[in-house]
Every structure is written in C-alpha cells, then in structure tokens.
Amino acid sequence: MSGNYPAGLDNLAMTQDGMLAREQALAAGLSLAAIRERLSRGSWQRIYPGVYAAFTGKVIRSSELWAAVLHAGVGAALSHDTAAELDGLRKRECAIHVTVPVERRVVPVSGLVIHRTDRIARTRHPAKMPPRTRVEETVLDLTQAARTFDEAFDWLCRGCGGRFTTPDRILEAMALRKKVRWRAELTAALAEVAGGVHSVLELQYVRHVERAHGLPSARRQVKVVRGQRSEYRDNLYDEYGVAVETDGSASHPVEARWSDIARDNAAAIDGVLTLRYGWFNVTTRPCYVAAQVAAVLNSRGWPGAPRRCGPTCSIAPLP
C-alpha cells in the first residue's frame, strides 16, 4: 500500500502483513466506493468476505493467517495446529485453526476451522502477532484433539521438551478448564515430563521396563558437554556407569546411526557403557529389556535383582 490512503492505514496494513478488514478501512476514513474501486482494478484482493489483501501478487502464509484472524473478528486467536505452527511446535498445517469467543458466529469458509471458548481472554496471548493462543493452551488444545493418549503425551513432550512451556504452566491452564479428557493421565504424565521424560518411548521405558521390574531409577536427559557440543543421555545410571538410549524413529538414517555410534564410543571413553533400544523391544519385550539392563547393572556393581512385573513376566536368565 502507498499513496492516497487515510493516515495510519498503511501502517496498519504493514503490521497485518498486508491484510485489512472492511471495518478497519472504513474506520480509518476510506469509503465503500474507494474499497470497491481498488478491488475492481485489482490493486486489492478479496480473501474472505470483508477481508482484503491490500496488494497484488501471491498471498504468503503469514498474510493468510492474518486474513483468517480478521475474518473471525475481534478477539479471535489462531489456535491448535496453527498456533503450534507459528510457535515452532510443528511444521506447516494446511488448514487454519482459529478460536473465537463462544457467542461468536463466523461465516464458514473452506480451509478455516473455527473453535469456540468462553475463556478467550485467558487463552489468547497478550502480545504475540498474529494473535494466537498461549503455548500451554495450544498444547492442551492439541491433547484434546489427539486420537490416542500416546499422541496427547507427545504434545506434552514437544511443548516442554522443546522448552516452549513448562509442566507447571500446563497444569495451571488445565486446572482452569472444566472438562479435560485424560485429566488424571495427563497430570501423571506431566510429572514424568518434569522428571526428564521427553518422548512416548521414554515413558514406556520408565514405566514398563525400569519401574515395573524394580530397576534403580536413572537420571533423565543428562547433559554431557564435549568441546563445543552438548549431548543428552536419555537414561543415565551414574553410579554404575550405564546409559540406556531409546530410539523411537521408524527409520533411522545412516548418518544418524553413525552419530549414535560416535556418541556411544565417546561415552565408553568416559567409562559409560551404552545400551540402545528401539520401539519394538521396549513396547513388546519390556521384560527381556529389563533382564538385559539388570544384568549389565549387576556387572557394574548393582546389588539388586529385577522382579517379575506380573504372572506372565518373562524375567529369566538371559540366553
């Protein structure tokens, strides 16, 4: 935008990535006739009813998001997957999610998903632009949209493991919600996250391998600095010089395997023996994994013995 515009309208369009709502243009002093004239000659583009791109050419993602907020009306905030996209919790999502006050009715348009809440003032971040929900609210929204609890737990890990928010902030936000699916499970899971568990597979290891079989408690996500680089060990049994790494990737790239080998070799120089397990072993053979970890811990001085996790537990001398 430039030239022959009411004072302030250029700046407003710039802060909104080139987007303007009809009401904003009228409030600034532009007439309906002037708006129609710009649309007819193509210097403005209609994005949604009453929402315009005040420029020609391609509409980029940030402008699309502003247009969605303006279409949803005053007080609206990008939320769910879209807020997660903006804050770096996930890659770009095609559909745009917007949360509006519960009483608001928004004209349906393709590609726009509308959510409603009676807590919009609390859930909306006070400063970030374009307007979006607070990270802890975004994480909770995504746990409620998850198909499984494992998927919900993964969102907790992304939010806290990536240091976008904290377990305490999520708990505070959850306490203000009347209805929360998996409330007890999420509360327990946040305690695990606070203790250093950063993935669904790590949670499976802690609960079904370590605790279920009476193994000593490892420290989680232990930072190790080598030169200019920092590494993290998933589970470190300091006293016995044993580390257990879990890899939940369905496919492990060759370069990642070499990186793992280099880390394990470096740990060996420090006197740390590394055991590494994938999804299959931890989730389908937890008793075997427990027996193996126990055997290595015993060889390093642990005086205990693994216990059977139940009547069908396969804990037995290793072949």
C-alpha atoms as a PDB file:
ATOM      1  CA  MET A   1       0.000   0.000   0.000  1.00  0.00           C
ATOM      2  CA  SER A   2       1.123   3.541  -0.688  1.00  0.00           C
ATOM      3  CA  GLY A   3      -0.309   6.914  -1.592  1.00  0.00           C
ATOM      4  CA  ASN A   4      -3.786   8.474  -1.155  1.00  0.00           C
ATOM      5  CA  TYR A   5      -4.699   6.462   1.945  1.00  0.00           C
ATOM      6  CA  PRO A   6      -6.101   7.758   5.207  1.00  0.00           C
ATOM      7  CA  ALA A   7      -3.492   8.340   7.914  1.00  0.00           C
ATOM      8  CA  GLY A   8      -2.463   5.161   9.676  1.00  0.00           C
ATOM      9  CA  LEU A   9      -3.962   2.705   7.200  1.00  0.00           C
ATOM     10  CA  ASP A  10      -0.605   1.988   5.553  1.00  0.00           C
ATOM     11  CA  ASN A  11       0.958   1.208   8.921  1.00  0.00           C
ATOM     12  CA  LEU A  12      -1.984  -0.966   9.965  1.00  0.00           C
ATOM     13  CA  ALA A  13      -1.728  -2.992   6.761  1.00  0.00           C
ATOM     14  CA  MET A  14       2.003  -3.436   7.292  1.00  0.00           C
ATOM     15  CA  THR A  15       1.527  -4.766  10.846  1.00  0.00           C
ATOM     16  CA  GLN A  16      -1.054  -7.227   9.482  1.00  0.00           C
ATOM     17  CA  ASP A  17       1.124  -8.473   6.620  1.00  0.00           C
ATOM     18  CA  GLY A  18      -0.857  -6.516   4.058  1.00  0.00           C
ATOM     19  CA  MET A  19      -4.321  -7.577   5.260  1.00  0.00           C
ATOM     20  CA  LEU A  20      -7.212  -5.271   6.112  1.00  0.00           C
ATOM     21  CA  ALA A  21     -10.764  -5.827   7.264  1.00  0.00           C
ATOM     22  CA  ARG A  22     -13.531  -3.736   5.733  1.00  0.00           C
ATOM     23  CA  GLU A  23     -14.371  -2.284   9.156  1.00  0.00           C
ATOM     24  CA  GLN A  24     -10.763  -1.191   9.651  1.00  0.00           C
ATOM     25  CA  ALA A  25     -10.639   0.575   6.299  1.00  0.00           C
ATOM     26  CA  LEU A  26     -13.949   2.328   6.934  1.00  0.00           C
ATOM     27  CA  ALA A  27     -12.917   3.343  10.464  1.00  0.00           C
ATOM     28  CA  ALA A  28      -9.746   4.880   9.027  1.00  0.00           C
ATOM     29  CA  GLY A  29     -11.814   7.006   6.634  1.00  0.00           C
ATOM     30  CA  LEU A  30     -11.810   5.006   3.398  1.00  0.00           C
ATOM     31  CA  SER A  31     -15.224   4.861   1.723  1.00  0.00           C
ATOM     32  CA  LEU A  32     -17.010   1.754   0.441  1.00  0.00           C
ATOM     33  CA  ALA A  33     -16.717   3.188  -3.070  1.00  0.00           C
ATOM     34  CA  ALA A  34     -12.961   3.537  -2.664  1.00  0.00           C
ATOM     35  CA  ILE A  35     -12.722  -0.085  -1.482  1.00  0.00           C
ATOM     36  CA  ARG A  36     -14.776  -1.311  -4.452  1.00  0.00           C
ATOM     37  CA  GLU A  37     -12.645   0.727  -6.842  1.00  0.00           C
ATOM     38  CA  ARG A  38      -9.423  -0.854  -5.560  1.00  0.00           C
ATOM     39  CA  LEU A  39     -10.935  -4.335  -5.836  1.00  0.00           C
ATOM     40  CA  SER A  40     -12.219  -3.727  -9.352  1.00  0.00           C
ATOM     41  CA  ARG A  41      -8.869  -2.535 -10.681  1.00  0.00           C
ATOM     42  CA  GLY A  42      -7.011  -5.371  -8.918  1.00  0.00           C
ATOM     43  CA  SER A  43      -4.824  -3.332  -6.546  1.00  0.00           C
ATOM     44  CA  TRP A  44      -6.636  -5.094  -3.672  1.00  0.00           C
ATOM     45  CA  GLN A  45      -7.641  -8.772  -3.493  1.00  0.00           C
ATOM     46  CA  ARG A  46     -10.676 -10.209  -1.707  1.00  0.00           C
ATOM     47  CA  ILE A  47      -9.512 -13.072   0.574  1.00  0.00           C
ATOM     48  CA  TYR A  48     -12.656 -13.602   2.662  1.00  0.00           C
ATOM     49  CA  PRO A  49     -15.931 -11.681   2.743  1.00  0.00           C
ATOM     50  CA  GLY A  50     -14.919  -8.274   4.108  1.00  0.00           C
ATOM     51  CA  VAL A  51     -11.210  -9.130   4.307  1.00  0.00           C
ATOM     52  CA  TYR A  52      -8.747  -7.867   1.698  1.00  0.00           C
ATOM     53  CA  ALA A  53      -5.107  -8.129   0.733  1.00  0.00           C
ATOM     54  CA  ALA A  54      -4.069  -4.533   0.090  1.00  0.00           C
ATOM     55  CA  PHE A  55      -1.514  -5.624  -2.517  1.00  0.00           C
ATOM     56  CA  THR A  56      -1.219  -7.519  -5.786  1.00  0.00           C
ATOM     57  CA  GLY A  57       0.538 -10.832  -6.290  1.00  0.00           C
ATOM     58  CA  LYS A  58       0.880 -14.001  -4.246  1.00  0.00           C
ATOM     59  CA  VAL A  59      -0.545 -14.155  -0.733  1.00  0.00           C
ATOM     60  CA  ILE A  60       2.059 -15.701   1.579  1.00  0.00           C
ATOM     61  CA  ARG A  61       1.324 -17.873   4.626  1.00  0.00           C
ATOM     62  CA  SER A  62       1.682 -15.104   7.216  1.00  0.00           C
ATOM     63  CA  SER A  63      -0.828 -12.988   5.287  1.00  0.00           C
ATOM     64  CA  GLU A  64      -3.228 -15.954   5.066  1.00  0.00           C
ATOM     65  CA  LEU A  65      -3.105 -16.294   8.839  1.00  0.00           C
ATOM     66  CA  TRP A  66      -3.822 -12.615   9.404  1.00  0.00           C
ATOM     67  CA  ALA A  67      -6.737 -12.819   6.972  1.00  0.00           C
ATOM     68  CA  ALA A  68      -8.200 -15.732   8.961  1.00  0.00           C
ATOM     69  CA  VAL A  69      -7.966 -13.782  12.227  1.00  0.00           C
ATOM     70  CA  LEU A  70      -9.608 -10.726  10.682  1.00  0.00           C
ATOM     71  CA  HIS A  71     -12.381 -12.852   9.203  1.00  0.00           C
ATOM     72  CA  ALA A  72     -13.046 -14.412  12.617  1.00  0.00           C
ATOM     73  CA  GLY A  73     -13.466 -10.981  14.217  1.00  0.00           C
ATOM     74  CA  VAL A  74     -12.283  -9.014  17.234  1.00  0.00           C
ATOM     75  CA  GLY A  75     -10.703 -11.126  19.952  1.00  0.00           C
ATOM     76  CA  ALA A  76     -10.063 -14.138  17.714  1.00  0.00           C
ATOM     77  CA  ALA A  77      -6.802 -16.052  18.030  1.00  0.00           C
ATOM     78  CA  LEU A  78      -5.048 -18.638  15.907  1.00  0.00           C
ATOM     79  CA  SER A  79      -5.040 -21.904  17.828  1.00  0.00           C
ATOM     80  CA  HIS A  80      -4.464 -25.664  17.790  1.00  0.00           C
ATOM     81  CA  ASP A  81      -2.203 -26.800  14.910  1.00  0.00           C
ATOM     82  CA  THR A  82      -1.889 -23.276  13.510  1.00  0.00           C
ATOM     83  CA  ALA A  83      -0.688 -21.763  16.785  1.00  0.00           C
ATOM     84  CA  ALA A  84       1.688 -24.732  17.110  1.00  0.00           C
ATOM     85  CA  GLU A  85       2.977 -23.989  13.609  1.00  0.00           C
ATOM     86  CA  LEU A  86       3.619 -20.344  14.473  1.00  0.00           C
ATOM     87  CA  ASP A  87       5.411 -21.157  17.713  1.00  0.00           C
ATOM     88  CA  GLY A  88       7.565 -23.867  16.152  1.00  0.00           C
ATOM     89  CA  LEU A  89       5.968 -26.962  17.714  1.00  0.00           C
ATOM     90  CA  ARG A  90       5.076 -28.444  14.329  1.00  0.00           C
ATOM     91  CA  LYS A  91       5.531 -27.973  10.604  1.00  0.00           C
ATOM     92  CA  ARG A  92       3.055 -26.077   8.465  1.00  0.00           C
ATOM     93  CA  GLU A  93      -0.532 -27.284   8.631  1.00  0.00           C
ATOM     94  CA  CYS A  94      -2.770 -26.676   5.606  1.00  0.00           C
ATOM     95  CA  ALA A  95      -5.997 -25.943   7.484  1.00  0.00           C
ATOM     96  CA  ILE A  96      -6.091 -22.769   9.591  1.00  0.00           C
ATOM     97  CA  HIS A  97      -7.476 -23.106  13.130  1.00  0.00           C
ATOM     98  CA  VAL A  98      -8.963 -20.090  14.874  1.00  0.00           C
ATOM     99  CA  THR A  99     -10.573 -19.848  18.322  1.00  0.00           C
ATOM    100  CA  VAL A 100     -13.264 -17.233  18.915  1.00  0.00           C
ATOM    101  CA  PRO A 101     -15.490 -16.170  21.826  1.00  0.00           C
ATOM    102  CA  VAL A 102     -18.200 -18.758  22.486  1.00  0.00           C
ATOM    103  CA  GLU A 103     -21.019 -16.468  21.362  1.00  0.00           C
ATOM    104  CA  ARG A 104     -19.342 -15.555  18.053  1.00  0.00           C
ATOM    105  CA  ARG A 105     -20.758 -16.868  14.790  1.00  0.00           C
ATOM    106  CA  VAL A 106     -18.323 -16.905  11.882  1.00  0.00           C
ATOM    107  CA  VAL A 107     -19.262 -17.323   8.209  1.00  0.00           C
ATOM    108  CA  PRO A 108     -17.913 -20.798   7.223  1.00  0.00           C
ATOM    109  CA  VAL A 109     -15.177 -20.772   4.581  1.00  0.00           C
ATOM    110  CA  SER A 110     -13.112 -23.578   3.097  1.00  0.00           C
ATOM    111  CA  GLY A 111      -9.834 -24.281   4.858  1.00  0.00           C
ATOM    112  CA  LEU A 112     -10.797 -22.471   8.073  1.00  0.00           C
ATOM    113  CA  VAL A 113     -11.595 -24.446  11.253  1.00  0.00           C
ATOM    114  CA  ILE A 114     -13.416 -22.500  13.959  1.00  0.00           C
ATOM    115  CA  HIS A 115     -13.238 -23.377  17.671  1.00  0.00           C
ATOM    116  CA  ARG A 116     -15.143 -21.620  20.457  1.00  0.00           C
ATOM    117  CA  THR A 117     -14.298 -20.930  24.084  1.00  0.00           C
ATOM    118  CA  ASP A 118     -15.697 -18.926  26.997  1.00  0.00           C
ATOM    119  CA  ARG A 119     -12.099 -18.267  28.129  1.00  0.00           C
ATOM    120  CA  ILE A 120     -10.742 -16.387  25.111  1.00  0.00           C
ATOM    121  CA  ALA A 121      -9.291 -13.559  27.228  1.00  0.00           C
ATOM    122  CA  ARG A 122      -7.254 -16.096  29.212  1.00  0.00           C
ATOM    123  CA  THR A 123      -6.213 -18.343  26.345  1.00  0.00           C
ATOM    124  CA  ARG A 124      -5.137 -15.576  23.932  1.00  0.00           C
ATOM    125  CA  HIS A 125      -1.504 -14.480  24.205  1.00  0.00           C
ATOM    126  CA  PRO A 126      -1.368 -10.803  25.221  1.00  0.00           C
ATOM    127  CA  ALA A 127       1.393  -9.743  22.814  1.00  0.00           C
ATOM    128  CA  LYS A 128       2.300 -12.206  20.044  1.00  0.00           C
ATOM    129  CA  MET A 129       1.300 -11.345  16.491  1.00  0.00           C
ATOM    130  CA  PRO A 130      -0.602 -12.542  14.625  1.00  0.00           C
ATOM    131  CA  PRO A 131      -2.878 -13.197  17.617  1.00  0.00           C
ATOM    132  CA  ARG A 132      -2.624 -16.780  18.876  1.00  0.00           C
ATOM    133  CA  THR A 133      -3.249 -18.857  21.959  1.00  0.00           C
ATOM    134  CA  ARG A 134      -0.641 -19.130  24.708  1.00  0.00           C
ATOM    135  CA  VAL A 135       1.675 -22.103  24.193  1.00  0.00           C
ATOM    136  CA  GLU A 136       0.356 -24.048  27.203  1.00  0.00           C
ATOM    137  CA  GLU A 137      -3.213 -23.535  25.917  1.00  0.00           C
ATOM    138  CA  THR A 138      -2.143 -24.653  22.450  1.00  0.00           C
ATOM    139  CA  VAL A 139      -0.554 -27.808  23.864  1.00  0.00           C
ATOM    140  CA  LEU A 140      -3.693 -28.602  25.874  1.00  0.00           C
ATOM    141  CA  ASP A 141      -5.927 -27.981  22.844  1.00  0.00           C
ATOM    142  CA  LEU A 142      -3.858 -30.455  20.862  1.00  0.00           C
ATOM    143  CA  THR A 143      -4.003 -33.085  23.602  1.00  0.00           C
ATOM    144  CA  GLN A 144      -7.786 -32.816  23.499  1.00  0.00           C
ATOM    145  CA  ALA A 145      -7.830 -33.213  19.714  1.00  0.00           C
ATOM    146  CA  ALA A 146      -5.469 -36.222  19.850  1.00  0.00           C
ATOM    147  CA  ARG A 147      -6.771 -39.618  18.755  1.00  0.00           C
ATOM    148  CA  THR A 148      -4.839 -41.537  21.412  1.00  0.00           C
ATOM    149  CA  PHE A 149      -3.234 -40.806  24.764  1.00  0.00           C
ATOM    150  CA  ASP A 150       0.203 -41.532  23.286  1.00  0.00           C
ATOM    151  CA  GLU A 151      -0.416 -38.786  20.735  1.00  0.00           C
ATOM    152  CA  ALA A 152      -1.557 -36.454  23.519  1.00  0.00           C
ATOM    153  CA  PHE A 153       1.565 -37.266  25.544  1.00  0.00           C
ATOM    154  CA  ASP A 154       3.710 -36.497  22.520  1.00  0.00           C
ATOM    155  CA  TRP A 155       2.327 -32.935  22.513  1.00  0.00           C
ATOM    156  CA  LEU A 156       3.319 -32.549  26.165  1.00  0.00           C
ATOM    157  CA  CYS A 157       6.815 -33.694  25.235  1.00  0.00           C
ATOM    158  CA  ARG A 158       7.051 -31.294  22.306  1.00  0.00           C
ATOM    159  CA  GLY A 159       5.876 -28.345  24.368  1.00  0.00           C
ATOM    160  CA  CYS A 160       8.066 -28.984  27.411  1.00  0.00           C
ATOM    161  CA  GLY A 161      10.990 -30.862  25.840  1.00  0.00           C
ATOM    162  CA  GLY A 162      11.396 -28.041  23.322  1.00  0.00           C
ATOM    163  CA  ARG A 163      11.249 -25.520  26.185  1.00  0.00           C
ATOM    164  CA  PHE A 164       8.243 -23.705  24.731  1.00  0.00           C
ATOM    165  CA  THR A 165       6.426 -24.024  28.051  1.00  0.00           C
ATOM    166  CA  THR A 166       6.667 -25.929  31.340  1.00  0.00           C
ATOM    167  CA  PRO A 167       4.714 -28.713  33.067  1.00  0.00           C
ATOM    168  CA  ASP A 168       3.650 -26.247  35.785  1.00  0.00           C
ATOM    169  CA  ARG A 169       2.165 -23.813  33.251  1.00  0.00           C
ATOM    170  CA  ILE A 170       0.261 -26.600  31.527  1.00  0.00           C
ATOM    171  CA  LEU A 171      -1.069 -27.804  34.896  1.00  0.00           C
ATOM    172  CA  GLU A 172      -2.213 -24.270  35.754  1.00  0.00           C
ATOM    173  CA  ALA A 173      -4.009 -23.964  32.413  1.00  0.00           C
ATOM    174  CA  MET A 174      -5.579 -27.400  32.839  1.00  0.00           C
ATOM    175  CA  ALA A 175      -6.881 -26.508  36.315  1.00  0.00           C
ATOM    176  CA  LEU A 176      -8.896 -23.652  34.768  1.00  0.00           C
ATOM    177  CA  ARG A 177     -10.686 -25.967  32.329  1.00  0.00           C
ATOM    178  CA  LYS A 178     -13.924 -27.569  33.430  1.00  0.00           C
ATOM    179  CA  LYS A 179     -13.600 -30.540  31.116  1.00  0.00           C
ATOM    180  CA  VAL A 180     -10.318 -32.214  30.189  1.00  0.00           C
ATOM    181  CA  ARG A 181     -10.137 -35.621  28.582  1.00  0.00           C
ATOM    182  CA  TRP A 182      -7.492 -37.816  30.265  1.00  0.00           C
ATOM    183  CA  ARG A 183      -7.102 -35.268  33.100  1.00  0.00           C
ATOM    184  CA  ALA A 184      -5.638 -37.770  35.591  1.00  0.00           C
ATOM    185  CA  GLU A 185      -3.402 -39.362  32.965  1.00  0.00           C
ATOM    186  CA  LEU A 186      -2.145 -36.006  31.696  1.00  0.00           C
ATOM    187  CA  THR A 187      -1.418 -34.868  35.249  1.00  0.00           C
ATOM    188  CA  ALA A 188       0.622 -38.019  35.898  1.00  0.00           C
ATOM    189  CA  ALA A 189       2.350 -37.684  32.532  1.00  0.00           C
ATOM    190  CA  LEU A 190       3.351 -34.086  33.277  1.00  0.00           C
ATOM    191  CA  ALA A 191       5.078 -35.325  36.426  1.00  0.00           C
ATOM    192  CA  GLU A 192       7.086 -37.691  34.213  1.00  0.00           C
ATOM    193  CA  VAL A 193       7.924 -34.867  31.819  1.00  0.00           C
ATOM    194  CA  ALA A 194       9.051 -32.720  34.748  1.00  0.00           C
ATOM    195  CA  GLY A 195      11.343 -35.605  35.694  1.00  0.00           C
ATOM    196  CA  GLY A 196      13.002 -35.569  32.277  1.00  0.00           C
ATOM    197  CA  VAL A 197      10.919 -37.932  30.125  1.00  0.00           C
ATOM    198  CA  HIS A 198      10.814 -36.431  26.646  1.00  0.00           C
ATOM    199  CA  SER A 199       9.074 -38.990  24.444  1.00  0.00           C
ATOM    200  CA  VAL A 200       6.404 -41.670  24.433  1.00  0.00           C
ATOM    201  CA  LEU A 201       9.101 -44.332  24.119  1.00  0.00           C
ATOM    202  CA  GLU A 202      10.985 -42.961  27.127  1.00  0.00           C
ATOM    203  CA  LEU A 203       7.745 -43.094  29.116  1.00  0.00           C
ATOM    204  CA  GLN A 204       7.275 -46.718  28.057  1.00  0.00           C
ATOM    205  CA  TYR A 205      10.820 -47.496  29.196  1.00  0.00           C
ATOM    206  CA  VAL A 206      10.419 -45.797  32.590  1.00  0.00           C
ATOM    207  CA  ARG A 207       7.047 -47.372  33.384  1.00  0.00           C
ATOM    208  CA  HIS A 208       7.216 -50.806  31.783  1.00  0.00           C
ATOM    209  CA  VAL A 209      10.907 -51.620  31.940  1.00  0.00           C
ATOM    210  CA  GLU A 210      12.502 -49.745  34.812  1.00  0.00           C
ATOM    211  CA  ARG A 211       9.772 -49.332  37.432  1.00  0.00           C
ATOM    212  CA  ALA A 212       7.766 -52.437  36.622  1.00  0.00           C
ATOM    213  CA  HIS A 213      10.840 -54.600  37.200  1.00  0.00           C
ATOM    214  CA  GLY A 214      12.314 -52.816  40.212  1.00  0.00           C
ATOM    215  CA  LEU A 215      15.403 -51.436  38.497  1.00  0.00           C
ATOM    216  CA  PRO A 216      17.138 -48.422  40.051  1.00  0.00           C
ATOM    217  CA  SER A 217      15.958 -45.010  38.827  1.00  0.00           C
ATOM    218  CA  ALA A 218      18.116 -43.394  36.179  1.00  0.00           C
ATOM    219  CA  ARG A 219      18.587 -39.684  35.694  1.00  0.00           C
ATOM    220  CA  ARG A 220      16.798 -38.455  32.562  1.00  0.00           C
ATOM    221  CA  GLN A 221      18.120 -36.246  29.774  1.00  0.00           C
ATOM    222  CA  VAL A 222      21.536 -35.799  31.343  1.00  0.00           C
ATOM    223  CA  LYS A 223      23.566 -33.116  29.586  1.00  0.00           C
ATOM    224  CA  VAL A 224      27.110 -34.028  28.544  1.00  0.00           C
ATOM    225  CA  VAL A 225      29.382 -31.343  27.057  1.00  0.00           C
ATOM    226  CA  ARG A 226      32.120 -32.354  24.620  1.00  0.00           C
ATOM    227  CA  GLY A 227      34.205 -29.463  23.338  1.00  0.00           C
ATOM    228  CA  GLN A 228      31.752 -27.071  21.714  1.00  0.00           C
ATOM    229  CA  ARG A 229      28.891 -29.597  21.548  1.00  0.00           C
ATOM    230  CA  SER A 230      26.286 -30.724  24.047  1.00  0.00           C
ATOM    231  CA  GLU A 231      24.715 -34.192  24.126  1.00  0.00           C
ATOM    232  CA  TYR A 232      21.898 -35.647  26.188  1.00  0.00           C
ATOM    233  CA  ARG A 233      21.683 -39.178  27.548  1.00  0.00           C
ATOM    234  CA  ASP A 234      18.121 -40.446  27.825  1.00  0.00           C
ATOM    235  CA  ASN A 235      18.671 -42.545  30.948  1.00  0.00           C
ATOM    236  CA  LEU A 236      21.925 -42.478  32.911  1.00  0.00           C
ATOM    237  CA  TYR A 237      22.662 -44.764  35.845  1.00  0.00           C
ATOM    238  CA  ASP A 238      25.539 -42.637  37.151  1.00  0.00           C
ATOM    239  CA  GLU A 239      26.628 -44.901  39.990  1.00  0.00           C
ATOM    240  CA  TYR A 240      27.111 -47.844  37.668  1.00  0.00           C
ATOM    241  CA  GLY A 241      28.355 -46.101  34.536  1.00  0.00           C
ATOM    242  CA  VAL A 242      25.478 -47.347  32.368  1.00  0.00           C
ATOM    243  CA  ALA A 243      23.365 -45.369  29.893  1.00  0.00           C
ATOM    244  CA  VAL A 244      20.182 -46.557  28.193  1.00  0.00           C
ATOM    245  CA  GLU A 245      19.197 -44.783  24.983  1.00  0.00           C
ATOM    246  CA  THR A 246      15.775 -45.158  23.355  1.00  0.00           C
ATOM    247  CA  ASP A 247      15.141 -44.524  19.681  1.00  0.00           C
ATOM    248  CA  GLY A 248      11.525 -44.251  18.591  1.00  0.00           C
ATOM    249  CA  SER A 249      12.198 -43.478  14.926  1.00  0.00           C
ATOM    250  CA  ALA A 250      10.506 -45.833  12.490  1.00  0.00           C
ATOM    251  CA  SER A 251      13.502 -45.474  10.210  1.00  0.00           C
ATOM    252  CA  HIS A 252      16.923 -44.452  11.439  1.00  0.00           C
ATOM    253  CA  PRO A 253      19.002 -42.674   8.757  1.00  0.00           C
ATOM    254  CA  VAL A 254      22.519 -43.984   8.161  1.00  0.00           C
ATOM    255  CA  GLU A 255      24.082 -40.684   9.235  1.00  0.00           C
ATOM    256  CA  ALA A 256      22.095 -40.805  12.489  1.00  0.00           C
ATOM    257  CA  ARG A 257      23.330 -44.345  13.187  1.00  0.00           C
ATOM    258  CA  TRP A 258      26.932 -43.225  12.719  1.00  0.00           C
ATOM    259  CA  SER A 259      26.270 -40.295  15.043  1.00  0.00           C
ATOM    260  CA  ASP A 260      24.895 -42.714  17.652  1.00  0.00           C
ATOM    261  CA  ILE A 261      27.971 -44.923  17.303  1.00  0.00           C
ATOM    262  CA  ALA A 262      30.256 -41.915  17.752  1.00  0.00           C
ATOM    263  CA  ARG A 263      28.365 -40.880  20.895  1.00  0.00           C
ATOM    264  CA  ASP A 264      28.476 -44.415  22.297  1.00  0.00           C
ATOM    265  CA  ASN A 265      32.212 -44.674  21.620  1.00  0.00           C
ATOM    266  CA  ALA A 266      32.831 -41.325  23.301  1.00  0.00           C
ATOM    267  CA  ALA A 267      30.757 -42.450  26.289  1.00  0.00           C
ATOM    268  CA  ALA A 268      32.873 -45.618  26.513  1.00  0.00           C
ATOM    269  CA  ILE A 269      35.998 -43.469  26.802  1.00  0.00           C
ATOM    270  CA  ASP A 270      34.301 -41.863  29.835  1.00  0.00           C
ATOM    271  CA  GLY A 271      33.655 -45.323  31.238  1.00  0.00           C
ATOM    272  CA  VAL A 272      29.946 -45.349  30.391  1.00  0.00           C
ATOM    273  CA  LEU A 273      28.533 -48.495  28.776  1.00  0.00           C
ATOM    274  CA  THR A 274      25.602 -47.693  26.489  1.00  0.00           C
ATOM    275  CA  LEU A 275      22.598 -49.927  25.782  1.00  0.00           C
ATOM    276  CA  ARG A 276      20.324 -48.849  22.945  1.00  0.00           C
ATOM    277  CA  TYR A 277      16.737 -49.990  22.343  1.00  0.00           C
ATOM    278  CA  GLY A 278      14.115 -49.256  19.718  1.00  0.00           C
ATOM    279  CA  TRP A 279      10.336 -49.120  19.832  1.00  0.00           C
ATOM    280  CA  PHE A 280       9.799 -52.826  19.177  1.00  0.00           C
ATOM    281  CA  ASN A 281      11.877 -54.109  22.088  1.00  0.00           C
ATOM    282  CA  VAL A 282      10.677 -51.577  24.660  1.00  0.00           C
ATOM    283  CA  THR A 283       6.984 -51.950  23.827  1.00  0.00           C
ATOM    284  CA  THR A 284       6.754 -55.669  23.022  1.00  0.00           C
ATOM    285  CA  ARG A 285       9.648 -57.168  25.021  1.00  0.00           C
ATOM    286  CA  PRO A 286       9.931 -54.994  28.158  1.00  0.00           C
ATOM    287  CA  CYS A 287      10.709 -57.983  30.394  1.00  0.00           C
ATOM    288  CA  TYR A 288      13.625 -59.051  28.181  1.00  0.00           C
ATOM    289  CA  VAL A 289      14.932 -55.465  28.096  1.00  0.00           C
ATOM    290  CA  ALA A 290      14.651 -55.262  31.894  1.00  0.00           C
ATOM    291  CA  ALA A 291      16.574 -58.515  32.295  1.00  0.00           C
ATOM    292  CA  GLN A 292      19.320 -57.277  29.996  1.00  0.00           C
ATOM    293  CA  VAL A 293      19.624 -53.886  31.686  1.00  0.00           C
ATOM    294  CA  ALA A 294      19.644 -55.589  35.099  1.00  0.00           C
ATOM    295  CA  ALA A 295      22.425 -57.948  34.012  1.00  0.00           C
ATOM    296  CA  VAL A 296      24.594 -55.044  32.864  1.00  0.00           C
ATOM    297  CA  LEU A 297      23.871 -53.082  36.050  1.00  0.00           C
ATOM    298  CA  ASN A 298      24.784 -56.161  38.105  1.00  0.00           C
ATOM    299  CA  SER A 299      28.064 -56.443  36.219  1.00  0.00           C
ATOM    300  CA  ARG A 300      28.756 -52.820  37.138  1.00  0.00           C
ATOM    301  CA  GLY A 301      28.053 -53.260  40.836  1.00  0.00           C
ATOM    302  CA  TRP A 302      24.292 -53.016  41.311  1.00  0.00           C
ATOM    303  CA  PRO A 303      23.488 -55.456  44.147  1.00  0.00           C
ATOM    304  CA  GLY A 304      19.798 -55.801  43.352  1.00  0.00           C
ATOM    305  CA  ALA A 305      17.799 -58.164  41.210  1.00  0.00           C
ATOM    306  CA  PRO A 306      14.941 -57.476  38.787  1.00  0.00           C
ATOM    307  CA  ARG A 307      11.476 -58.504  39.943  1.00  0.00           C
ATOM    308  CA  ARG A 308       8.726 -60.056  37.903  1.00  0.00           C
ATOM    309  CA  CYS A 309       6.221 -57.471  36.712  1.00  0.00           C
ATOM    310  CA  GLY A 310       3.347 -59.954  36.770  1.00  0.00           C
ATOM    311  CA  PRO A 311       2.347 -63.603  36.425  1.00  0.00           C
ATOM    312  CA  THR A 312       3.313 -63.696  32.743  1.00  0.00           C
ATOM    313  CA  CYS A 313       6.628 -61.861  33.154  1.00  0.00           C
ATOM    314  CA  SER A 314       9.437 -63.493  31.212  1.00  0.00           C
ATOM    315  CA  ILE A 315      12.246 -62.326  33.535  1.00  0.00           C
ATOM    316  CA  ALA A 316      14.697 -65.234  33.498  1.00  0.00           C
ATOM    317  CA  PRO A 317      18.391 -65.854  32.991  1.00  0.00           C
ATOM    318  CA  LEU A 318      19.430 -64.425  29.621  1.00  0.00           C
ATOM    319  CA  PRO A 319      20.402 -66.911  26.891  1.00  0.00           C
END
